[in-house]
Amino acid sequence: MKLGKYVALAVAAAALLVTTAMAADNQGSITFASPTQIGSQQLKAGDYKVQWDGSGSSVQVKFLQRGKVVATSTASLVEQKTAVPTDQAVVKTEDNGARALQEIDFAKHKVSLMFGENQTAGGQ
């Protein structure tokens, strides 16, 4: 009976470790040199941790600074054939000078998050 409890506990611990490892894999970091719009939210210049949940055309994205969520958005997650050398953001400068986030490319994962107009166009 005791052995069964230990086995169940070990299986539960292993499942927790796998889930944590998978969640940690869906993240990257990005630095914005200037304030940048993401939807209706504006991100100040600075370093951000980016986390996403899901796959395909409806991914929930969180932007964190110092461990706190400062903005959220939806995006399309697109796999890339080749990796970029570093995590990088593609930003569109509007006529009024505002910077709007279009996509984030993650070197480690060979994926891109597509925002706004790029989200529906699939980045093409």
PDB file of N, CA and C in Angstrom:
ATOM      1  N   MET A   1       0.814  -1.186   0.000  1.00  0.00           N
ATOM      2  CA  MET A   1       0.000   0.000   0.000  1.00  0.00           C
ATOM      3  C   MET A   1       0.862   1.255   0.000  1.00  0.00           C
ATOM      4  N   LYS A   2       1.929   1.242   0.839  1.00  0.00           N
ATOM      5  CA  LYS A   2       2.821   2.395   0.890  1.00  0.00           C
ATOM      6  C   LYS A   2       3.541   2.586  -0.440  1.00  0.00           C
ATOM      7  N   LEU A   3       3.917   1.491  -1.072  1.00  0.00           N
ATOM      8  CA  LEU A   3       4.619   1.560  -2.348  1.00  0.00           C
ATOM      9  C   LEU A   3       3.728   2.235  -3.399  1.00  0.00           C
ATOM     10  N   GLY A   4       2.451   1.933  -3.399  1.00  0.00           N
ATOM     11  CA  GLY A   4       1.498   2.536  -4.335  1.00  0.00           C
ATOM     12  C   GLY A   4       1.431   4.050  -4.167  1.00  0.00           C
ATOM     13  N   LYS A   5       1.454   4.499  -2.896  1.00  0.00           N
ATOM     14  CA  LYS A   5       1.426   5.933  -2.633  1.00  0.00           C
ATOM     15  C   LYS A   5       2.686   6.606  -3.162  1.00  0.00           C
ATOM     16  N   TYR A   6       3.840   5.963  -2.966  1.00  0.00           N
ATOM     17  CA  TYR A   6       5.103   6.539  -3.447  1.00  0.00           C
ATOM     18  C   TYR A   6       5.144   6.599  -4.972  1.00  0.00           C
ATOM     19  N   VAL A   7       4.621   5.560  -5.611  1.00  0.00           N
ATOM     20  CA  VAL A   7       4.584   5.539  -7.074  1.00  0.00           C
ATOM     21  C   VAL A   7       3.661   6.648  -7.586  1.00  0.00           C
ATOM     22  N   ALA A   8       2.505   6.787  -6.962  1.00  0.00           N
ATOM     23  CA  ALA A   8       1.565   7.844  -7.368  1.00  0.00           C
ATOM     24  C   ALA A   8       2.177   9.227  -7.164  1.00  0.00           C
ATOM     25  N   LEU A   9       2.875   9.399  -6.044  1.00  0.00           N
ATOM     26  CA  LEU A   9       3.528  10.674  -5.771  1.00  0.00           C
ATOM     27  C   LEU A   9       4.622  10.957  -6.796  1.00  0.00           C
ATOM     28  N   ALA A  10       5.399   9.949  -7.150  1.00  0.00           N
ATOM     29  CA  ALA A  10       6.471  10.109  -8.145  1.00  0.00           C
ATOM     30  C   ALA A  10       5.895  10.462  -9.513  1.00  0.00           C
ATOM     31  N   VAL A  11       4.796   9.815  -9.901  1.00  0.00           N
ATOM     32  CA  VAL A  11       4.153  10.108 -11.183  1.00  0.00           C
ATOM     33  C   VAL A  11       3.623  11.540 -11.190  1.00  0.00           C
ATOM     34  N   ALA A  12       3.009  11.962 -10.114  1.00  0.00           N
ATOM     35  CA  ALA A  12       2.486  13.330 -10.030  1.00  0.00           C
ATOM     36  C   ALA A  12       3.619  14.349 -10.102  1.00  0.00           C
ATOM     37  N   ALA A  13       4.720  14.085  -9.422  1.00  0.00           N
ATOM     38  CA  ALA A  13       5.869  14.996  -9.450  1.00  0.00           C
ATOM     39  C   ALA A  13       6.456  15.073 -10.857  1.00  0.00           C
ATOM     40  N   ALA A  14       6.549  13.947 -11.536  1.00  0.00           N
ATOM     41  CA  ALA A  14       7.076  13.935 -12.907  1.00  0.00           C
ATOM     42  C   ALA A  14       6.168  14.722 -13.841  1.00  0.00           C
ATOM     43  N   ALA A  15       4.869  14.574 -13.695  1.00  0.00           N
ATOM     44  CA  ALA A  15       3.920  15.319 -14.533  1.00  0.00           C
ATOM     45  C   ALA A  15       4.049  16.813 -14.293  1.00  0.00           C
ATOM     46  N   LEU A  16       4.239  17.218 -13.052  1.00  0.00           N
ATOM     47  CA  LEU A  16       4.414  18.626 -12.721  1.00  0.00           C
ATOM     48  C   LEU A  16       5.693  19.178 -13.350  1.00  0.00           C
ATOM     49  N   LEU A  17       6.767  18.411 -13.299  1.00  0.00           N
ATOM     50  CA  LEU A  17       8.026  18.842 -13.901  1.00  0.00           C
ATOM     51  C   LEU A  17       7.904  18.992 -15.416  1.00  0.00           C
ATOM     52  N   VAL A  18       7.227  18.063 -16.075  1.00  0.00           N
ATOM     53  CA  VAL A  18       7.033  18.141 -17.523  1.00  0.00           C
ATOM     54  C   VAL A  18       6.193  19.357 -17.874  1.00  0.00           C
ATOM     55  N   THR A  19       5.120  19.589 -17.136  1.00  0.00           N
ATOM     56  CA  THR A  19       4.265  20.749 -17.389  1.00  0.00           C
ATOM     57  C   THR A  19       5.044  22.039 -17.186  1.00  0.00           C
ATOM     58  N   THR A  20       5.833  22.136 -16.142  1.00  0.00           N
ATOM     59  CA  THR A  20       6.636  23.326 -15.884  1.00  0.00           C
ATOM     60  C   THR A  20       7.663  23.527 -16.986  1.00  0.00           C
ATOM     61  N   ALA A  21       8.302  22.472 -17.422  1.00  0.00           N
ATOM     62  CA  ALA A  21       9.302  22.577 -18.486  1.00  0.00           C
ATOM     63  C   ALA A  21       8.664  23.025 -19.785  1.00  0.00           C
ATOM     64  N   MET A  22       7.483  22.515 -20.091  1.00  0.00           N
ATOM     65  CA  MET A  22       6.796  22.924 -21.313  1.00  0.00           C
ATOM     66  C   MET A  22       6.396  24.386 -21.245  1.00  0.00           C
ATOM     67  N   ALA A  23       5.911  24.841 -20.107  1.00  0.00           N
ATOM     68  CA  ALA A  23       5.510  26.237 -19.955  1.00  0.00           C
ATOM     69  C   ALA A  23       6.721  27.148 -20.075  1.00  0.00           C
ATOM     70  N   ALA A  24       7.849  26.736 -19.525  1.00  0.00           N
ATOM     71  CA  ALA A  24       9.059  27.553 -19.591  1.00  0.00           C
ATOM     72  C   ALA A  24       9.575  27.649 -21.017  1.00  0.00           C
ATOM     73  N   ASP A  25       9.224  26.694 -21.866  1.00  0.00           N
ATOM     74  CA  ASP A  25       9.689  26.694 -23.244  1.00  0.00           C
ATOM     75  C   ASP A  25       8.922  27.700 -24.101  1.00  0.00           C
ATOM     76  N   ASN A  26       7.744  28.100 -23.688  1.00  0.00           N
ATOM     77  CA  ASN A  26       6.925  29.039 -24.444  1.00  0.00           C
ATOM     78  C   ASN A  26       7.166  30.459 -23.970  1.00  0.00           C
ATOM     79  N   GLN A  27       8.438  30.861 -23.996  1.00  0.00           N
ATOM     80  CA  GLN A  27       8.764  32.209 -23.561  1.00  0.00           C
ATOM     81  C   GLN A  27      10.047  32.673 -24.219  1.00  0.00           C
ATOM     82  N   GLY A  28      10.222  33.955 -24.219  1.00  0.00           N
ATOM     83  CA  GLY A  28      11.432  34.569 -24.750  1.00  0.00           C
ATOM     84  C   GLY A  28      11.552  35.946 -24.146  1.00  0.00           C
ATOM     85  N   SER A  29      12.496  36.700 -24.646  1.00  0.00           N
ATOM     86  CA  SER A  29      12.656  38.055 -24.139  1.00  0.00           C
ATOM     87  C   SER A  29      12.834  39.008 -25.307  1.00  0.00           C
ATOM     88  N   ILE A  30      12.462  40.254 -25.074  1.00  0.00           N
ATOM     89  CA  ILE A  30      12.545  41.270 -26.120  1.00  0.00           C
ATOM     90  C   ILE A  30      12.807  42.613 -25.460  1.00  0.00           C
ATOM     91  N   THR A  31      13.507  43.477 -26.164  1.00  0.00           N
ATOM     92  CA  THR A  31      13.780  44.824 -25.684  1.00  0.00           C
ATOM     93  C   THR A  31      13.215  45.819 -26.682  1.00  0.00           C
ATOM     94  N   PHE A  32      12.463  46.768 -26.174  1.00  0.00           N
ATOM     95  CA  PHE A  32      11.954  47.859 -27.008  1.00  0.00           C
ATOM     96  C   PHE A  32      12.760  49.110 -26.688  1.00  0.00           C
ATOM     97  N   ALA A  33      13.360  49.718 -27.711  1.00  0.00           N
ATOM     98  CA  ALA A  33      14.165  50.924 -27.522  1.00  0.00           C
ATOM     99  C   ALA A  33      13.290  52.160 -27.342  1.00  0.00           C
ATOM    100  N   SER A  34      12.053  52.091 -27.837  1.00  0.00           N
ATOM    101  CA  SER A  34      11.109  53.207 -27.754  1.00  0.00           C
ATOM    102  C   SER A  34       9.750  52.660 -27.347  1.00  0.00           C
ATOM    103  N   PRO A  35       8.843  53.526 -26.853  1.00  0.00           N
ATOM    104  CA  PRO A  35       7.487  53.059 -26.550  1.00  0.00           C
ATOM    105  C   PRO A  35       6.864  52.404 -27.782  1.00  0.00           C
ATOM    106  N   THR A  36       6.149  51.294 -27.560  1.00  0.00           N
ATOM    107  CA  THR A  36       5.598  50.503 -28.661  1.00  0.00           C
ATOM    108  C   THR A  36       4.165  50.096 -28.339  1.00  0.00           C
ATOM    109  N   GLN A  37       3.267  50.281 -29.310  1.00  0.00           N
ATOM    110  CA  GLN A  37       1.853  49.898 -29.160  1.00  0.00           C
ATOM    111  C   GLN A  37       1.689  48.415 -29.426  1.00  0.00           C
ATOM    112  N   ILE A  38       0.892  47.774 -28.599  1.00  0.00           N
ATOM    113  CA  ILE A  38       0.437  46.415 -28.853  1.00  0.00           C
ATOM    114  C   ILE A  38      -1.061  46.456 -28.651  1.00  0.00           C
ATOM    115  N   GLY A  39      -1.794  46.488 -29.756  1.00  0.00           N
ATOM    116  CA  GLY A  39      -3.235  46.695 -29.688  1.00  0.00           C
ATOM    117  C   GLY A  39      -3.520  48.071 -29.133  1.00  0.00           C
ATOM    118  N   SER A  40      -4.334  48.153 -28.092  1.00  0.00           N
ATOM    119  CA  SER A  40      -4.670  49.442 -27.474  1.00  0.00           C
ATOM    120  C   SER A  40      -3.740  49.783 -26.307  1.00  0.00           C
ATOM    121  N   GLN A  41      -2.773  48.913 -26.047  1.00  0.00           N
ATOM    122  CA  GLN A  41      -1.874  49.103 -24.912  1.00  0.00           C
ATOM    123  C   GLN A  41      -0.514  49.606 -25.396  1.00  0.00           C
ATOM    124  N   GLN A  42       0.111  50.456 -24.597  1.00  0.00           N
ATOM    125  CA  GLN A  42       1.436  50.931 -24.947  1.00  0.00           C
ATOM    126  C   GLN A  42       2.464  50.375 -23.967  1.00  0.00           C
ATOM    127  N   LEU A  43       3.496  49.779 -24.519  1.00  0.00           N
ATOM    128  CA  LEU A  43       4.602  49.268 -23.722  1.00  0.00           C
ATOM    129  C   LEU A  43       5.695  50.326 -23.694  1.00  0.00           C
ATOM    130  N   LYS A  44       6.189  50.638 -22.509  1.00  0.00           N
ATOM    131  CA  LYS A  44       7.284  51.595 -22.375  1.00  0.00           C
ATOM    132  C   LYS A  44       8.562  50.964 -22.923  1.00  0.00           C
ATOM    133  N   ALA A  45       9.530  51.806 -23.251  1.00  0.00           N
ATOM    134  CA  ALA A  45      10.841  51.296 -23.653  1.00  0.00           C
ATOM    135  C   ALA A  45      11.402  50.461 -22.508  1.00  0.00           C
ATOM    136  N   GLY A  46      12.041  49.349 -22.838  1.00  0.00           N
ATOM    137  CA  GLY A  46      12.616  48.509 -21.795  1.00  0.00           C
ATOM    138  C   GLY A  46      12.642  47.048 -22.178  1.00  0.00           C
ATOM    139  N   ASP A  47      13.035  46.226 -21.224  1.00  0.00           N
ATOM    140  CA  ASP A  47      13.159  44.780 -21.410  1.00  0.00           C
ATOM    141  C   ASP A  47      11.887  44.086 -20.935  1.00  0.00           C
ATOM    142  N   TYR A  48      11.447  43.102 -21.724  1.00  0.00           N
ATOM    143  CA  TYR A  48      10.235  42.362 -21.399  1.00  0.00           C
ATOM    144  C   TYR A  48      10.468  40.870 -21.558  1.00  0.00           C
ATOM    145  N   LYS A  49       9.815  40.113 -20.691  1.00  0.00           N
ATOM    146  CA  LYS A  49       9.716  38.670 -20.848  1.00  0.00           C
ATOM    147  C   LYS A  49       8.389  38.446 -21.560  1.00  0.00           C
ATOM    148  N   VAL A  50       8.384  37.613 -22.582  1.00  0.00           N
ATOM    149  CA  VAL A  50       7.172  37.335 -23.354  1.00  0.00           C
ATOM    150  C   VAL A  50       6.834  35.867 -23.156  1.00  0.00           C
ATOM    151  N   GLN A  51       5.596  35.597 -22.739  1.00  0.00           N
ATOM    152  CA  GLN A  51       5.123  34.223 -22.552  1.00  0.00           C
ATOM    153  C   GLN A  51       3.869  34.029 -23.383  1.00  0.00           C
ATOM    154  N   TRP A  52       3.716  32.833 -23.940  1.00  0.00           N
ATOM    155  CA  TRP A  52       2.503  32.561 -24.699  1.00  0.00           C
ATOM    156  C   TRP A  52       1.962  31.187 -24.361  1.00  0.00           C
ATOM    157  N   ASP A  53       0.634  31.087 -24.463  1.00  0.00           N
ATOM    158  CA  ASP A  53      -0.085  29.840 -24.219  1.00  0.00           C
ATOM    159  C   ASP A  53      -0.873  29.501 -25.469  1.00  0.00           C
ATOM    160  N   GLY A  54      -0.754  28.279 -25.922  1.00  0.00           N
ATOM    161  CA  GLY A  54      -1.510  27.823 -27.070  1.00  0.00           C
ATOM    162  C   GLY A  54      -0.642  27.712 -28.305  1.00  0.00           C
ATOM    163  N   SER A  55      -1.305  27.424 -29.434  1.00  0.00           N
ATOM    164  CA  SER A  55      -0.611  27.319 -30.709  1.00  0.00           C
ATOM    165  C   SER A  55      -1.581  27.696 -31.816  1.00  0.00           C
ATOM    166  N   GLY A  56      -1.053  27.923 -32.992  1.00  0.00           N
ATOM    167  CA  GLY A  56      -1.899  28.249 -34.127  1.00  0.00           C
ATOM    168  C   GLY A  56      -2.279  29.713 -34.167  1.00  0.00           C
ATOM    169  N   SER A  57      -3.519  29.967 -34.588  1.00  0.00           N
ATOM    170  CA  SER A  57      -3.944  31.338 -34.866  1.00  0.00           C
ATOM    171  C   SER A  57      -4.492  32.098 -33.663  1.00  0.00           C
ATOM    172  N   SER A  58      -4.597  31.459 -32.522  1.00  0.00           N
ATOM    173  CA  SER A  58      -5.138  32.148 -31.352  1.00  0.00           C
ATOM    174  C   SER A  58      -4.304  31.844 -30.112  1.00  0.00           C
ATOM    175  N   VAL A  59      -3.201  32.559 -29.975  1.00  0.00           N
ATOM    176  CA  VAL A  59      -2.277  32.373 -28.870  1.00  0.00           C
ATOM    177  C   VAL A  59      -2.447  33.533 -27.899  1.00  0.00           C
ATOM    178  N   GLN A  60      -2.501  33.239 -26.614  1.00  0.00           N
ATOM    179  CA  GLN A  60      -2.582  34.277 -25.594  1.00  0.00           C
ATOM    180  C   GLN A  60      -1.157  34.668 -25.194  1.00  0.00           C
ATOM    181  N   VAL A  61      -0.844  35.955 -25.308  1.00  0.00           N
ATOM    182  CA  VAL A  61       0.510  36.440 -25.070  1.00  0.00           C
ATOM    183  C   VAL A  61       0.521  37.389 -23.881  1.00  0.00           C
ATOM    184  N   LYS A  62       1.507  37.217 -23.002  1.00  0.00           N
ATOM    185  CA  LYS A  62       1.696  38.094 -21.844  1.00  0.00           C
ATOM    186  C   LYS A  62       3.055  38.768 -21.950  1.00  0.00           C
ATOM    187  N   PHE A  63       3.090  40.056 -21.659  1.00  0.00           N
ATOM    188  CA  PHE A  63       4.337  40.817 -21.581  1.00  0.00           C
ATOM    189  C   PHE A  63       4.570  41.117 -20.108  1.00  0.00           C
ATOM    190  N   LEU A  64       5.720  40.691 -19.586  1.00  0.00           N
ATOM    191  CA  LEU A  64       6.028  40.861 -18.174  1.00  0.00           C
ATOM    192  C   LEU A  64       7.272  41.727 -17.986  1.00  0.00           C
ATOM    193  N   GLN A  65       7.238  42.538 -16.939  1.00  0.00           N
ATOM    194  CA  GLN A  65       8.402  43.286 -16.489  1.00  0.00           C
ATOM    195  C   GLN A  65       8.514  43.082 -14.996  1.00  0.00           C
ATOM    196  N   ARG A  66       9.704  42.733 -14.554  1.00  0.00           N
ATOM    197  CA  ARG A  66       9.962  42.474 -13.133  1.00  0.00           C
ATOM    198  C   ARG A  66       8.955  41.483 -12.541  1.00  0.00           C
ATOM    199  N   GLY A  67       8.576  40.479 -13.330  1.00  0.00           N
ATOM    200  CA  GLY A  67       7.687  39.432 -12.857  1.00  0.00           C
ATOM    201  C   GLY A  67       6.212  39.769 -12.870  1.00  0.00           C
ATOM    202  N   LYS A  68       5.853  40.983 -13.300  1.00  0.00           N
ATOM    203  CA  LYS A  68       4.442  41.382 -13.329  1.00  0.00           C
ATOM    204  C   LYS A  68       3.956  41.524 -14.766  1.00  0.00           C
ATOM    205  N   VAL A  69       2.731  41.041 -15.024  1.00  0.00           N
ATOM    206  CA  VAL A  69       2.125  41.184 -16.345  1.00  0.00           C
ATOM    207  C   VAL A  69       1.762  42.652 -16.542  1.00  0.00           C
ATOM    208  N   VAL A  70       2.300  43.264 -17.614  1.00  0.00           N
ATOM    209  CA  VAL A  70       2.027  44.677 -17.888  1.00  0.00           C
ATOM    210  C   VAL A  70       1.163  44.852 -19.127  1.00  0.00           C
ATOM    211  N   ALA A  71       1.036  43.806 -19.943  1.00  0.00           N
ATOM    212  CA  ALA A  71       0.167  43.866 -21.124  1.00  0.00           C
ATOM    213  C   ALA A  71      -0.139  42.446 -21.579  1.00  0.00           C
ATOM    214  N   THR A  72      -1.282  42.293 -22.246  1.00  0.00           N
ATOM    215  CA  THR A  72      -1.662  41.012 -22.833  1.00  0.00           C
ATOM    216  C   THR A  72      -2.180  41.254 -24.239  1.00  0.00           C
ATOM    217  N   SER A  73      -2.136  40.225 -25.050  1.00  0.00           N
ATOM    218  CA  SER A  73      -2.630  40.336 -26.418  1.00  0.00           C
ATOM    219  C   SER A  73      -2.876  38.940 -26.959  1.00  0.00           C
ATOM    220  N   THR A  74      -3.448  38.879 -28.141  1.00  0.00           N
ATOM    221  CA  THR A  74      -3.545  37.619 -28.863  1.00  0.00           C
ATOM    222  C   THR A  74      -2.645  37.727 -30.084  1.00  0.00           C
ATOM    223  N   ALA A  75      -2.202  36.598 -30.564  1.00  0.00           N
ATOM    224  CA  ALA A  75      -1.318  36.563 -31.728  1.00  0.00           C
ATOM    225  C   ALA A  75      -1.476  35.222 -32.423  1.00  0.00           C
ATOM    226  N   SER A  76      -0.891  35.131 -33.598  1.00  0.00           N
ATOM    227  CA  SER A  76      -0.773  33.853 -34.299  1.00  0.00           C
ATOM    228  C   SER A  76       0.639  33.350 -34.106  1.00  0.00           C
ATOM    229  N   LEU A  77       0.777  32.081 -33.766  1.00  0.00           N
ATOM    230  CA  LEU A  77       2.086  31.461 -33.614  1.00  0.00           C
ATOM    231  C   LEU A  77       2.432  30.764 -34.921  1.00  0.00           C
ATOM    232  N   VAL A  78       3.540  31.185 -35.540  1.00  0.00           N
ATOM    233  CA  VAL A  78       3.940  30.657 -36.842  1.00  0.00           C
ATOM    234  C   VAL A  78       5.322  30.030 -36.721  1.00  0.00           C
ATOM    235  N   GLU A  79       5.451  28.788 -37.173  1.00  0.00           N
ATOM    236  CA  GLU A  79       6.757  28.129 -37.162  1.00  0.00           C
ATOM    237  C   GLU A  79       7.596  28.657 -38.314  1.00  0.00           C
ATOM    238  N   GLN A  80       8.905  28.834 -38.057  1.00  0.00           N
ATOM    239  CA  GLN A  80       9.833  29.325 -39.075  1.00  0.00           C
ATOM    240  C   GLN A  80      10.771  28.201 -39.482  1.00  0.00           C
ATOM    241  N   LYS A  81      11.185  28.196 -40.731  1.00  0.00           N
ATOM    242  CA  LYS A  81      12.091  27.155 -41.222  1.00  0.00           C
ATOM    243  C   LYS A  81      13.515  27.378 -40.738  1.00  0.00           C
ATOM    244  N   THR A  82      13.881  28.647 -40.592  1.00  0.00           N
ATOM    245  CA  THR A  82      15.230  28.959 -40.123  1.00  0.00           C
ATOM    246  C   THR A  82      15.136  29.858 -38.905  1.00  0.00           C
ATOM    247  N   ALA A  83      16.111  29.741 -38.054  1.00  0.00           N
ATOM    248  CA  ALA A  83      16.130  30.542 -36.831  1.00  0.00           C
ATOM    249  C   ALA A  83      16.774  31.901 -37.104  1.00  0.00           C
ATOM    250  N   VAL A  84      16.306  32.913 -36.398  1.00  0.00           N
ATOM    251  CA  VAL A  84      16.951  34.216 -36.423  1.00  0.00           C
ATOM    252  C   VAL A  84      18.091  34.166 -35.409  1.00  0.00           C
ATOM    253  N   PRO A  85      19.107  35.023 -35.563  1.00  0.00           N
ATOM    254  CA  PRO A  85      20.250  34.958 -34.640  1.00  0.00           C
ATOM    255  C   PRO A  85      19.912  35.341 -33.199  1.00  0.00           C
ATOM    256  N   THR A  86      18.979  36.275 -33.016  1.00  0.00           N
ATOM    257  CA  THR A  86      18.559  36.696 -31.676  1.00  0.00           C
ATOM    258  C   THR A  86      17.060  36.967 -31.699  1.00  0.00           C
ATOM    259  N   ASP A  87      16.450  36.982 -30.514  1.00  0.00           N
ATOM    260  CA  ASP A  87      15.040  37.369 -30.442  1.00  0.00           C
ATOM    261  C   ASP A  87      14.929  38.798 -30.960  1.00  0.00           C
ATOM    262  N   GLN A  88      13.950  39.056 -31.821  1.00  0.00           N
ATOM    263  CA  GLN A  88      13.816  40.387 -32.389  1.00  0.00           C
ATOM    264  C   GLN A  88      12.364  40.741 -32.641  1.00  0.00           C
ATOM    265  N   ALA A  89      12.082  42.038 -32.571  1.00  0.00           N
ATOM    266  CA  ALA A  89      10.736  42.549 -32.809  1.00  0.00           C
ATOM    267  C   ALA A  89      10.696  43.254 -34.157  1.00  0.00           C
ATOM    268  N   VAL A  90       9.579  43.098 -34.852  1.00  0.00           N
ATOM    269  CA  VAL A  90       9.325  43.841 -36.082  1.00  0.00           C
ATOM    270  C   VAL A  90       8.258  44.865 -35.726  1.00  0.00           C
ATOM    271  N   VAL A  91       8.613  46.139 -35.881  1.00  0.00           N
ATOM    272  CA  VAL A  91       7.741  47.236 -35.473  1.00  0.00           C
ATOM    273  C   VAL A  91       7.467  48.122 -36.681  1.00  0.00           C
ATOM    274  N   LYS A  92       6.214  48.511 -36.853  1.00  0.00           N
ATOM    275  CA  LYS A  92       5.815  49.405 -37.943  1.00  0.00           C
ATOM    276  C   LYS A  92       5.655  50.811 -37.371  1.00  0.00           C
ATOM    277  N   THR A  93       6.282  51.788 -38.022  1.00  0.00           N
ATOM    278  CA  THR A  93       6.119  53.176 -37.598  1.00  0.00           C
ATOM    279  C   THR A  93       4.959  53.785 -38.375  1.00  0.00           C
ATOM    280  N   GLU A  94       3.940  54.244 -37.642  1.00  0.00           N
ATOM    281  CA  GLU A  94       2.754  54.838 -38.252  1.00  0.00           C
ATOM    282  C   GLU A  94       3.054  56.255 -38.730  1.00  0.00           C
ATOM    283  N   ASP A  95       2.150  56.842 -39.507  1.00  0.00           N
ATOM    284  CA  ASP A  95       2.315  58.208 -40.017  1.00  0.00           C
ATOM    285  C   ASP A  95       2.479  59.225 -38.895  1.00  0.00           C
ATOM    286  N   ASN A  96       1.831  58.975 -37.761  1.00  0.00           N
ATOM    287  CA  ASN A  96       1.910  59.918 -36.635  1.00  0.00           C
ATOM    288  C   ASN A  96       3.146  59.676 -35.751  1.00  0.00           C
ATOM    289  N   GLY A  97       4.010  58.740 -36.161  1.00  0.00           N
ATOM    290  CA  GLY A  97       5.230  58.458 -35.416  1.00  0.00           C
ATOM    291  C   GLY A  97       5.098  57.349 -34.393  1.00  0.00           C
ATOM    292  N   ALA A  98       3.887  56.889 -34.125  1.00  0.00           N
ATOM    293  CA  ALA A  98       3.683  55.800 -33.162  1.00  0.00           C
ATOM    294  C   ALA A  98       4.265  54.509 -33.721  1.00  0.00           C
ATOM    295  N   ARG A  99       4.803  53.692 -32.829  1.00  0.00           N
ATOM    296  CA  ARG A  99       5.383  52.397 -33.211  1.00  0.00           C
ATOM    297  C   ARG A  99       4.415  51.286 -32.819  1.00  0.00           C
ATOM    298  N   ALA A 100       4.026  50.449 -33.790  1.00  0.00           N
ATOM    299  CA  ALA A 100       3.078  49.357 -33.546  1.00  0.00           C
ATOM    300  C   ALA A 100       3.781  48.017 -33.750  1.00  0.00           C
ATOM    301  N   LEU A 101       3.688  47.147 -32.758  1.00  0.00           N
ATOM    302  CA  LEU A 101       4.311  45.826 -32.827  1.00  0.00           C
ATOM    303  C   LEU A 101       3.602  44.972 -33.871  1.00  0.00           C
ATOM    304  N   GLN A 102       4.370  44.412 -34.805  1.00  0.00           N
ATOM    305  CA  GLN A 102       3.831  43.547 -35.848  1.00  0.00           C
ATOM    306  C   GLN A 102       4.129  42.072 -35.580  1.00  0.00           C
ATOM    307  N   GLU A 103       5.360  41.797 -35.136  1.00  0.00           N
ATOM    308  CA  GLU A 103       5.727  40.409 -34.846  1.00  0.00           C
ATOM    309  C   GLU A 103       6.947  40.362 -33.950  1.00  0.00           C
ATOM    310  N   ILE A 104       7.111  39.224 -33.296  1.00  0.00           N
ATOM    311  CA  ILE A 104       8.316  38.929 -32.523  1.00  0.00           C
ATOM    312  C   ILE A 104       8.829  37.588 -33.026  1.00  0.00           C
ATOM    313  N   ASP A 105      10.106  37.553 -33.401  1.00  0.00           N
ATOM    314  CA  ASP A 105      10.752  36.326 -33.859  1.00  0.00           C
ATOM    315  C   ASP A 105      11.656  35.813 -32.742  1.00  0.00           C
ATOM    316  N   PHE A 106      11.530  34.537 -32.418  1.00  0.00           N
ATOM    317  CA  PHE A 106      12.300  33.945 -31.331  1.00  0.00           C
ATOM    318  C   PHE A 106      13.344  32.986 -31.885  1.00  0.00           C
ATOM    319  N   ALA A 107      14.603  33.277 -31.628  1.00  0.00           N
ATOM    320  CA  ALA A 107      15.714  32.485 -32.158  1.00  0.00           C
ATOM    321  C   ALA A 107      15.694  31.059 -31.638  1.00  0.00           C
ATOM    322  N   LYS A 108      15.552  30.904 -30.337  1.00  0.00           N
ATOM    323  CA  LYS A 108      15.629  29.582 -29.694  1.00  0.00           C
ATOM    324  C   LYS A 108      14.524  28.638 -30.190  1.00  0.00           C
ATOM    325  N   HIS A 109      13.351  29.182 -30.451  1.00  0.00           N
ATOM    326  CA  HIS A 109      12.190  28.350 -30.749  1.00  0.00           C
ATOM    327  C   HIS A 109      11.896  28.180 -32.233  1.00  0.00           C
ATOM    328  N   LYS A 110      12.510  29.012 -33.092  1.00  0.00           N
ATOM    329  CA  LYS A 110      12.191  29.021 -34.519  1.00  0.00           C
ATOM    330  C   LYS A 110      10.702  29.231 -34.749  1.00  0.00           C
ATOM    331  N   VAL A 111      10.121  30.164 -33.975  1.00  0.00           N
ATOM    332  CA  VAL A 111       8.727  30.550 -34.141  1.00  0.00           C
ATOM    333  C   VAL A 111       8.624  32.071 -34.102  1.00  0.00           C
ATOM    334  N   SER A 112       7.513  32.557 -34.639  1.00  0.00           N
ATOM    335  CA  SER A 112       7.208  33.983 -34.586  1.00  0.00           C
ATOM    336  C   SER A 112       5.801  34.164 -34.045  1.00  0.00           C
ATOM    337  N   LEU A 113       5.608  35.232 -33.290  1.00  0.00           N
ATOM    338  CA  LEU A 113       4.278  35.653 -32.872  1.00  0.00           C
ATOM    339  C   LEU A 113       3.889  36.806 -33.785  1.00  0.00           C
ATOM    340  N   MET A 114       2.752  36.679 -34.480  1.00  0.00           N
ATOM    341  CA  MET A 114       2.267  37.700 -35.406  1.00  0.00           C
ATOM    342  C   MET A 114       1.109  38.451 -34.759  1.00  0.00           C
ATOM    343  N   PHE A 115       1.227  39.775 -34.722  1.00  0.00           N
ATOM    344  CA  PHE A 115       0.226  40.634 -34.088  1.00  0.00           C
ATOM    345  C   PHE A 115      -0.473  41.501 -35.117  1.00  0.00           C
ATOM    346  N   GLY A 116      -1.643  42.019 -34.744  1.00  0.00           N
ATOM    347  CA  GLY A 116      -2.345  43.010 -35.572  1.00  0.00           C
ATOM    348  C   GLY A 116      -2.620  42.536 -36.966  1.00  0.00           C
ATOM    349  N   GLU A 117      -2.287  43.368 -37.969  1.00  0.00           N
ATOM    350  CA  GLU A 117      -2.537  43.050 -39.368  1.00  0.00           C
ATOM    351  C   GLU A 117      -1.810  41.775 -39.788  1.00  0.00           C
ATOM    352  N   ASN A 118      -0.608  41.578 -39.259  1.00  0.00           N
ATOM    353  CA  ASN A 118       0.162  40.379 -39.596  1.00  0.00           C
ATOM    354  C   ASN A 118      -0.507  39.106 -39.082  1.00  0.00           C
ATOM    355  N   GLN A 119      -1.277  39.233 -37.994  1.00  0.00           N
ATOM    356  CA  GLN A 119      -1.914  38.058 -37.393  1.00  0.00           C
ATOM    357  C   GLN A 119      -2.868  37.403 -38.385  1.00  0.00           C
ATOM    358  N   THR A 120      -3.684  38.199 -39.047  1.00  0.00           N
ATOM    359  CA  THR A 120      -4.652  37.637 -39.979  1.00  0.00           C
ATOM    360  C   THR A 120      -4.018  37.285 -41.313  1.00  0.00           C
ATOM    361  N   ALA A 121      -2.912  37.945 -41.657  1.00  0.00           N
ATOM    362  CA  ALA A 121      -2.236  37.656 -42.912  1.00  0.00           C
ATOM    363  C   ALA A 121      -1.255  36.510 -42.777  1.00  0.00           C
ATOM    364  N   GLY A 122      -1.037  36.032 -41.555  1.00  0.00           N
ATOM    365  CA  GLY A 122      -0.100  34.946 -41.330  1.00  0.00           C
ATOM    366  C   GLY A 122       1.339  35.356 -41.574  1.00  0.00           C
ATOM    367  N   GLY A 123       1.582  36.684 -41.488  1.00  0.00           N
ATOM    368  CA  GLY A 123       2.928  37.182 -41.620  1.00  0.00           C
ATOM    369  C   GLY A 123       3.417  37.272 -43.045  1.00  0.00           C
ATOM    370  N   GLN A 124       2.531  37.090 -44.015  1.00  0.00           N
ATOM    371  CA  GLN A 124       2.964  37.119 -45.411  1.00  0.00           C
ATOM    372  C   GLN A 124       2.646  38.425 -46.058  1.00  0.00           C
TER     373      GLN A 124
END
